[in-house]
């Protein structure tokens, strides 16, 4: 059996690891990604705010070495879900089972002025470049803004303003600065009112302005104002943007995409095409676009594939549960537990924030590096 996995993010890495654990070298698993390595989303903020060096948080795909698994660095150019054939810049690949885990591509150019400012912080390159930008920032009006929905890791903009507060305090610049957060939601984390209320309290304590139910649609770089979806304008000296998210071009051009993303069975993650699955940010399964949800979905797909190969009993189905960590600054971290079930309103609670959960977050990262890359990782 030939299993082809497109994308080596949370979903692809977890799926490849699970299949290697279950199947060993009995079947061929090929993992394709265009990048050189993996970076956790939270590590981007660590580098951006000078809490870690880029080399500390980069995990090369060359370290992936598991029974039955081959990693190929390539860019996916087209996907034929009927034939389960994929064209790449290094040649074609065919599969008996195909899993699309390509995530979401980011398009800063879709927001006028964002490329000119060069201050989006959601790509690895963008966040790493901001390390030097922030180091040279003399203080002033900081605006963190979301430019479209959906977007990855919905808590990240809130984390960013709280960490920005700490950063400016440490540099003696907070009194001369303001911080604003522009979000398209009524509350910061809609599935979790408890987490949202805790964030509101943190914003109030730190004098961070909350600008709800708006998105930034353009930047006027000459006048240094962010233009919002309701026509209002917010002056800035430093704008940190969440760019427009899109499915990768190869996905949009394929028969898999419906309204820009890949619909899947909410229990099995199988697409409308037999033996073709999709996990993570590239789907429209209804959960947030966050790594922990992709990881949970990958575990289900691994069980689905293993059951088919071995003619086993009914495999596990997806329960819509996810846990994400939420930075509150001051070295405190909260844990948000959310459940998304098809046809039901999502539910979520908050634990912490505390230093103990901050340590738990470190353990989360180190355990994944050990599992996926078979090596120890000293965070920070």
Protein backbone atom coordinates (compact mmCIF):
# COMPACT_ATOMS: atom_id res chain seq x y z
CA UNK A 1 0.00 0.00 0.00
CA UNK A 2 1.32 3.43 -0.98
CA UNK A 3 0.19 6.29 1.28
CA UNK A 4 0.97 9.86 0.20
CA UNK A 5 0.80 12.76 2.67
CA UNK A 6 0.95 16.32 1.36
CA UNK A 7 2.21 18.79 3.95
CA UNK A 8 4.46 18.38 7.00
CA UNK A 9 2.81 20.63 9.54
CA UNK A 10 1.14 19.42 12.74
CA UNK A 11 -1.24 17.18 10.80
CA UNK A 12 1.24 15.70 8.34
CA UNK A 13 3.94 15.04 10.93
CA UNK A 14 1.53 13.41 13.37
CA UNK A 15 -0.06 11.29 10.65
CA UNK A 16 3.29 10.13 9.26
CA UNK A 17 4.51 9.26 12.76
CA UNK A 18 1.32 7.39 13.68
CA UNK A 19 1.39 5.36 10.47
CA UNK A 20 5.04 4.49 10.99
CA UNK A 21 4.25 3.39 14.56
CA UNK A 22 1.31 1.26 13.41
CA UNK A 23 2.56 -0.12 10.10
CA UNK A 24 6.35 -0.01 10.37
CA UNK A 25 7.94 -0.71 7.01
CA UNK A 26 5.10 -2.98 5.83
CA UNK A 27 3.74 -0.15 3.66
CA UNK A 28 5.26 2.85 1.93
CA UNK A 29 4.47 6.28 3.38
CA UNK A 30 5.71 9.38 1.54
CA UNK A 31 5.58 12.80 3.20
CA UNK A 32 5.95 15.81 0.88
CA UNK A 33 6.58 19.40 1.93
CA UNK A 34 8.12 22.40 0.17
CA UNK A 35 9.92 23.65 3.27
CA UNK A 36 13.21 22.75 4.92
CA UNK A 37 11.77 22.34 8.40
CA UNK A 38 9.03 22.89 10.95
CA UNK A 39 8.46 25.78 13.38
CA UNK A 40 5.75 25.79 16.06
CA UNK A 41 3.36 28.73 15.87
CA UNK A 42 4.21 29.81 19.41
CA UNK A 43 7.91 29.76 18.53
CA UNK A 44 7.36 32.56 16.02
CA UNK A 45 6.35 34.85 18.88
CA UNK A 46 9.33 33.67 20.94
CA UNK A 47 11.70 34.77 18.18
CA UNK A 48 9.78 37.95 17.42
CA UNK A 49 10.00 39.13 21.04
CA UNK A 50 13.64 38.02 21.39
CA UNK A 51 12.91 35.14 23.75
CA UNK A 52 14.62 32.64 21.41
CA UNK A 53 16.93 32.66 18.41
CA UNK A 54 15.64 31.43 15.02
CA UNK A 55 18.04 28.48 15.11
CA UNK A 56 16.64 27.42 18.49
CA UNK A 57 13.12 26.86 17.15
CA UNK A 58 13.76 25.38 13.69
CA UNK A 59 13.32 21.62 13.31
CA UNK A 60 14.80 20.33 10.00
CA UNK A 61 12.83 17.75 8.06
CA UNK A 62 16.12 15.97 7.38
CA UNK A 63 15.85 14.72 10.97
CA UNK A 64 12.67 12.77 10.14
CA UNK A 65 13.80 9.13 9.99
CA UNK A 66 11.15 6.51 10.69
CA UNK A 67 10.42 2.98 9.48
CA UNK A 68 8.49 2.96 6.22
CA UNK A 69 8.57 6.76 5.88
CA UNK A 70 10.26 8.77 3.13
CA UNK A 71 10.40 12.57 3.22
CA UNK A 72 10.52 14.42 -0.11
CA UNK A 73 11.11 18.15 -0.35
CA UNK A 74 8.92 19.33 -3.22
CA UNK A 75 6.26 21.88 -4.12
CA UNK A 76 2.84 20.46 -4.97
CA UNK A 77 1.68 21.84 -8.32
CA UNK A 78 -1.54 19.90 -8.98
CA UNK A 79 -3.73 17.27 -7.33
CA UNK A 80 -5.96 14.75 -9.11
CA UNK A 81 -8.13 13.23 -6.36
CA UNK A 82 -9.76 10.72 -8.72
CA UNK A 83 -6.50 9.16 -9.86
CA UNK A 84 -4.83 10.05 -6.55
CA UNK A 85 -1.98 11.50 -8.58
CA UNK A 86 0.05 14.55 -7.54
CA UNK A 87 2.34 16.62 -9.75
CA UNK A 88 5.27 18.36 -8.07
CA UNK A 89 8.30 20.32 -9.16
CA UNK A 90 10.40 17.15 -8.75
CA UNK A 91 8.02 14.85 -10.62
CA UNK A 92 4.73 12.97 -10.19
CA UNK A 93 3.59 10.82 -7.29
CA UNK A 94 0.75 8.30 -7.21
CA UNK A 95 -0.95 6.80 -4.19
CA UNK A 96 -3.43 4.21 -3.03
CA UNK A 97 -4.41 6.54 -0.19
CA UNK A 98 -3.92 10.32 -0.36
CA UNK A 99 -4.02 12.76 2.55
CA UNK A 100 -3.95 16.52 1.99
CA UNK A 101 -2.47 18.43 4.93
CA UNK A 102 -1.12 21.47 3.09
CA UNK A 103 -2.44 24.04 5.53
CA UNK A 104 -3.33 27.59 4.56
CA UNK A 105 -1.15 29.93 2.50
CA UNK A 106 -0.77 33.54 3.60
CA UNK A 107 -1.27 36.42 1.19
CA UNK A 108 0.00 39.76 2.59
CA UNK A 109 -0.39 41.34 -0.87
CA UNK A 110 -4.18 40.95 -0.60
CA UNK A 111 -4.23 43.82 1.92
CA UNK A 112 -3.07 47.11 0.34
CA UNK A 113 -0.07 48.50 2.20
CA UNK A 114 0.79 45.39 4.22
CA UNK A 115 3.66 44.30 1.97
CA UNK A 116 5.01 47.87 1.95
CA UNK A 117 4.99 47.97 5.75
CA UNK A 118 6.54 44.48 5.86
CA UNK A 119 5.16 43.79 9.31
CA UNK A 120 2.96 40.72 9.06
CA UNK A 121 3.80 38.28 11.84
CA UNK A 122 2.08 35.04 10.80
CA UNK A 123 4.65 33.65 8.37
CA UNK A 124 7.89 32.31 9.79
CA UNK A 125 9.91 34.76 7.71
CA UNK A 126 7.69 37.66 8.73
CA UNK A 127 7.84 36.93 12.44
CA UNK A 128 11.58 36.33 12.40
CA UNK A 129 12.18 39.61 10.53
CA UNK A 130 10.18 41.49 13.14
CA UNK A 131 12.75 40.63 15.78
CA UNK A 132 15.00 43.37 14.40
CA UNK A 133 12.09 45.73 13.68
CA UNK A 134 10.93 45.56 17.30
CA UNK A 135 14.46 45.96 18.62
CA UNK A 136 14.72 49.27 16.72
CA UNK A 137 11.18 50.47 17.58
CA UNK A 138 11.37 53.67 19.66
CA UNK A 139 7.83 53.37 21.01
CA UNK A 140 4.58 54.86 19.80
CA UNK A 141 1.20 53.65 18.56
CA UNK A 142 1.15 49.86 18.10
CA UNK A 143 -1.80 48.30 16.27
CA UNK A 144 -2.27 44.55 15.91
CA UNK A 145 -4.90 43.81 13.27
CA UNK A 146 -6.64 40.90 11.58
CA UNK A 147 -7.27 41.39 7.85
CA UNK A 148 -9.69 38.53 7.06
CA UNK A 149 -11.38 35.39 8.30
CA UNK A 150 -10.76 32.55 8.76
CA UNK A 151 -7.26 32.81 10.18
CA UNK A 152 -4.93 30.44 11.98
CA UNK A 153 -4.62 30.29 15.76
CA UNK A 154 -7.34 32.77 16.78
CA UNK A 155 -5.74 33.43 20.22
CA UNK A 156 -2.43 34.59 18.67
CA UNK A 157 -3.37 38.27 18.13
CA UNK A 158 -4.41 38.53 21.79
CA UNK A 159 -1.17 36.88 22.87
CA UNK A 160 0.76 39.32 20.71
CA UNK A 161 -0.62 42.46 22.35
CA UNK A 162 0.04 41.05 25.83
CA UNK A 163 3.60 40.08 24.95
CA UNK A 164 4.07 43.47 23.27
CA UNK A 165 3.09 45.12 26.55
CA UNK A 166 5.75 43.13 28.43
CA UNK A 167 8.33 43.84 25.73
CA UNK A 168 7.76 47.59 25.83
CA UNK A 169 7.81 47.61 29.64
CA UNK A 170 11.16 45.80 29.65
CA UNK A 171 12.57 48.39 27.24
CA UNK A 172 11.19 51.35 29.18
CA UNK A 173 8.91 52.35 26.31
CA UNK A 174 5.45 51.41 27.54
CA UNK A 175 4.56 54.83 29.00
CA UNK A 176 5.27 56.44 25.64
CA UNK A 177 3.24 53.84 23.70
CA UNK A 178 -0.31 52.70 23.07
CA UNK A 179 -1.44 49.21 22.04
CA UNK A 180 -4.64 48.40 20.15
CA UNK A 181 -6.08 45.09 18.95
CA UNK A 182 -8.45 45.01 15.96
CA UNK A 183 -10.42 41.75 15.72
CA UNK A 184 -13.47 40.62 13.69
CA UNK A 185 -15.12 39.04 16.76
CA UNK A 186 -17.24 40.42 19.56
CA UNK A 187 -15.00 38.69 22.10
CA UNK A 188 -11.37 37.53 21.65
CA UNK A 189 -12.06 33.77 21.68
CA UNK A 190 -15.73 33.17 20.80
CA UNK A 191 -15.84 29.44 21.74
CA UNK A 192 -14.58 30.23 25.26
CA UNK A 193 -16.29 33.06 27.15
CA UNK A 194 -14.12 32.27 30.20
CA UNK A 195 -10.90 32.75 28.24
CA UNK A 196 -12.30 35.89 26.63
CA UNK A 197 -13.21 37.42 29.99
CA UNK A 198 -9.74 36.65 31.32
CA UNK A 199 -8.25 38.39 28.29
CA UNK A 200 -10.52 41.40 28.77
CA UNK A 201 -9.26 41.67 32.36
CA UNK A 202 -5.65 41.43 31.16
CA UNK A 203 -6.27 44.08 28.48
CA UNK A 204 -7.82 46.44 31.04
CA UNK A 205 -4.97 45.92 33.50
CA UNK A 206 -2.42 46.74 30.82
CA UNK A 207 -4.37 49.57 29.14
CA UNK A 208 -4.70 47.70 25.82
CA UNK A 209 -7.47 48.99 23.53
CA UNK A 210 -9.92 46.36 22.27
CA UNK A 211 -11.45 47.16 18.85
CA UNK A 212 -14.06 44.45 18.12
CA UNK A 213 -16.10 43.40 15.09
CA UNK A 214 -13.78 45.06 12.60
CA UNK A 215 -11.01 44.01 10.25
CA UNK A 216 -8.19 46.02 8.75
CA UNK A 217 -8.81 46.22 5.01
CA UNK A 218 -5.91 48.48 4.00
CA UNK A 219 -2.96 50.46 5.31
CA UNK A 220 -2.38 54.02 4.19
CA UNK A 221 1.38 53.98 4.54
CA UNK A 222 1.79 57.68 3.76
CA UNK A 223 -0.58 58.80 6.51
CA UNK A 224 0.22 55.85 8.78
CA UNK A 225 -3.39 54.84 9.36
CA UNK A 226 -5.07 51.43 9.29
CA UNK A 227 -8.35 51.56 7.37
CA UNK A 228 -11.01 49.30 8.90
CA UNK A 229 -13.93 47.41 7.39
CA UNK A 230 -16.43 49.93 8.80
CA UNK A 231 -14.57 52.87 7.24
CA UNK A 232 -12.92 53.99 10.47
CA UNK A 233 -9.21 54.72 10.67
CA UNK A 234 -6.69 53.93 13.38
CA UNK A 235 -3.33 55.75 13.42
CA UNK A 236 -0.22 53.61 13.94
CA UNK A 237 3.53 53.87 14.19
CA UNK A 238 3.91 50.08 14.10
CA UNK A 239 1.29 47.83 12.53
CA UNK A 240 1.45 44.06 13.11
CA UNK A 241 -0.84 42.26 10.70
CA UNK A 242 -2.51 38.88 10.33
CA UNK A 243 -2.57 38.39 6.54
CA UNK A 244 -5.35 37.01 4.38
CA UNK A 245 -5.44 33.19 4.45
CA UNK A 246 -6.15 31.06 1.40
CA UNK A 247 -5.96 27.38 0.53
CA UNK A 248 -2.88 26.58 -1.55
CA UNK A 249 -3.28 27.21 -5.29
CA UNK A 250 -3.01 23.49 -6.12
CA UNK A 251 -5.94 22.78 -3.80
CA UNK A 252 -8.11 25.59 -5.16
CA UNK A 253 -7.45 24.41 -8.73
CA UNK A 254 -8.36 20.82 -7.89
CA UNK A 255 -11.76 19.16 -7.66
CA UNK A 256 -11.29 18.97 -3.89
CA UNK A 257 -12.03 22.61 -3.12
CA UNK A 258 -15.53 23.93 -2.41
CA UNK A 259 -15.83 27.63 -1.54
CA UNK A 260 -12.06 27.84 -1.18
CA UNK A 261 -11.44 24.96 1.25
CA UNK A 262 -11.78 21.17 1.33
CA UNK A 263 -15.00 19.78 2.83
CA UNK A 264 -14.62 16.50 4.71
CA UNK A 265 -16.74 14.05 6.64
CA UNK A 266 -16.65 15.55 10.17
CA UNK A 267 -16.17 12.11 11.75
CA UNK A 268 -13.69 10.42 9.40
CA UNK A 269 -12.03 13.39 7.62
CA UNK A 270 -12.53 11.64 4.28
CA UNK A 271 -13.30 13.87 1.32
CA UNK A 272 -15.95 13.26 -1.35
CA UNK A 273 -13.31 11.16 -3.15
CA UNK A 274 -12.78 7.62 -1.81
CA UNK A 275 -9.47 7.04 -0.02
CA UNK A 276 -8.67 10.76 -0.13
CA UNK A 277 -8.56 12.49 3.25
CA UNK A 278 -7.79 16.04 4.37
CA UNK A 279 -6.77 17.38 7.77
CA UNK A 280 -5.97 20.70 9.36
CA UNK A 281 -6.15 24.25 8.08
CA UNK A 282 -6.88 23.27 4.48
CA UNK A 283 -10.29 21.85 5.45
CA UNK A 284 -13.66 23.39 6.23
CA UNK A 285 -14.37 20.83 8.95
CA UNK A 286 -15.57 23.54 11.34
CA UNK A 287 -12.79 23.61 13.93
CA UNK A 288 -10.34 26.51 14.32
CA UNK A 289 -7.32 26.56 12.05
CA UNK A 290 -4.84 25.54 14.72
CA UNK A 291 -2.17 22.87 14.97
CA UNK A 292 -3.69 20.96 17.86
CA UNK A 293 -6.87 20.35 15.85
CA UNK A 294 -4.83 19.18 12.86
CA UNK A 295 -2.96 16.82 15.18
CA UNK A 296 -6.21 15.35 16.53
CA UNK A 297 -7.60 14.92 13.04
CA UNK A 298 -4.39 13.20 11.93
CA UNK A 299 -4.73 10.62 14.68
CA UNK A 300 -8.22 9.80 13.44
CA UNK A 301 -7.07 9.49 9.81
CA UNK A 302 -4.22 7.23 10.92
CA UNK A 303 -6.77 4.98 12.65
CA UNK A 304 -9.01 5.05 9.58
CA UNK A 305 -6.16 4.05 7.27
CA UNK A 306 -4.83 1.35 9.58
CA UNK A 307 -8.31 -0.18 9.96
CA UNK A 308 -8.75 -0.31 6.17
CA UNK A 309 -5.39 -1.92 5.60
CA UNK A 310 -5.84 -4.51 8.31
CA UNK A 311 -9.61 -5.03 7.92
CA UNK A 312 -10.01 -4.12 11.56
CA UNK A 313 -13.11 -3.07 13.45
CA UNK A 314 -14.65 0.42 13.35
CA UNK A 315 -11.86 2.95 13.94
CA UNK A 316 -12.05 5.99 16.17
CA UNK A 317 -13.90 9.02 14.83
CA UNK A 318 -13.13 12.69 15.30
CA UNK A 319 -14.50 14.23 18.51
CA UNK A 320 -13.76 17.87 17.68
CA UNK A 321 -11.72 18.39 20.84
CA UNK A 322 -8.64 20.55 21.08
CA UNK A 323 -6.45 22.16 23.72
CA UNK A 324 -4.48 25.31 23.05
CA UNK A 325 -2.14 27.34 25.20
CA UNK A 326 -2.72 31.05 25.69
CA UNK A 327 0.10 33.44 26.62
CA UNK A 328 -0.94 36.09 29.13
CA UNK A 329 2.48 37.68 29.52
CA UNK A 330 4.34 37.93 32.84
CA UNK A 331 5.46 34.30 32.18
CA UNK A 332 1.90 33.07 32.75
CA UNK A 333 0.07 30.74 30.36
CA UNK A 334 -3.54 29.57 30.28
CA UNK A 335 -4.98 26.41 28.76
CA UNK A 336 -8.15 26.59 26.67
CA UNK A 337 -10.07 23.36 26.09
CA UNK A 338 -12.65 23.54 23.29
CA UNK A 339 -15.00 21.00 21.72
CA UNK A 340 -16.50 21.49 18.27
CA UNK A 341 -19.24 19.02 17.35
CA UNK A 342 -21.01 19.14 14.01
CA UNK A 343 -24.36 20.90 14.32
CA UNK A 344 -23.73 22.10 17.88
CA UNK A 345 -22.41 25.32 19.35
CA UNK A 346 -18.75 24.98 20.42
CA UNK A 347 -17.96 24.87 24.11
CA UNK A 348 -14.75 25.80 25.86
CA UNK A 349 -13.24 26.50 29.26
CA UNK A 350 -10.08 28.05 30.68
CA UNK A 351 -7.53 26.70 33.13
CA UNK A 352 -5.08 29.18 34.63
CA UNK A 353 -3.17 31.26 33.67
CA UNK A 354 -0.27 30.00 35.77
CA UNK A 355 3.42 29.22 35.73
CA UNK A 356 2.56 25.51 35.99
CA UNK A 357 0.70 25.66 32.67
CA UNK A 358 3.63 27.56 31.17
CA UNK A 359 5.75 24.52 32.06
CA UNK A 360 3.07 22.26 30.57
CA UNK A 361 3.31 24.21 27.32
CA UNK A 362 7.06 23.62 27.21
CA UNK A 363 6.46 19.90 27.76
CA UNK A 364 3.91 19.92 24.93
CA UNK A 365 6.50 21.25 22.50
CA UNK A 366 9.37 19.04 23.61
CA UNK A 367 7.20 15.90 23.49
CA UNK A 368 6.20 16.60 19.87
CA UNK A 369 9.78 17.19 18.79
CA UNK A 370 10.77 13.93 20.46
CA UNK A 371 7.88 12.08 18.79
CA UNK A 372 8.21 13.54 15.29
CA UNK A 373 11.97 14.14 15.02
CA UNK A 374 13.33 11.64 17.57
CA UNK A 375 15.48 14.19 19.35
CA UNK A 376 15.58 16.25 22.50
CA UNK A 377 14.69 19.94 22.34
CA UNK A 378 15.74 22.53 24.90
CA UNK A 379 13.16 25.28 24.46
CA UNK A 380 14.54 28.83 24.45
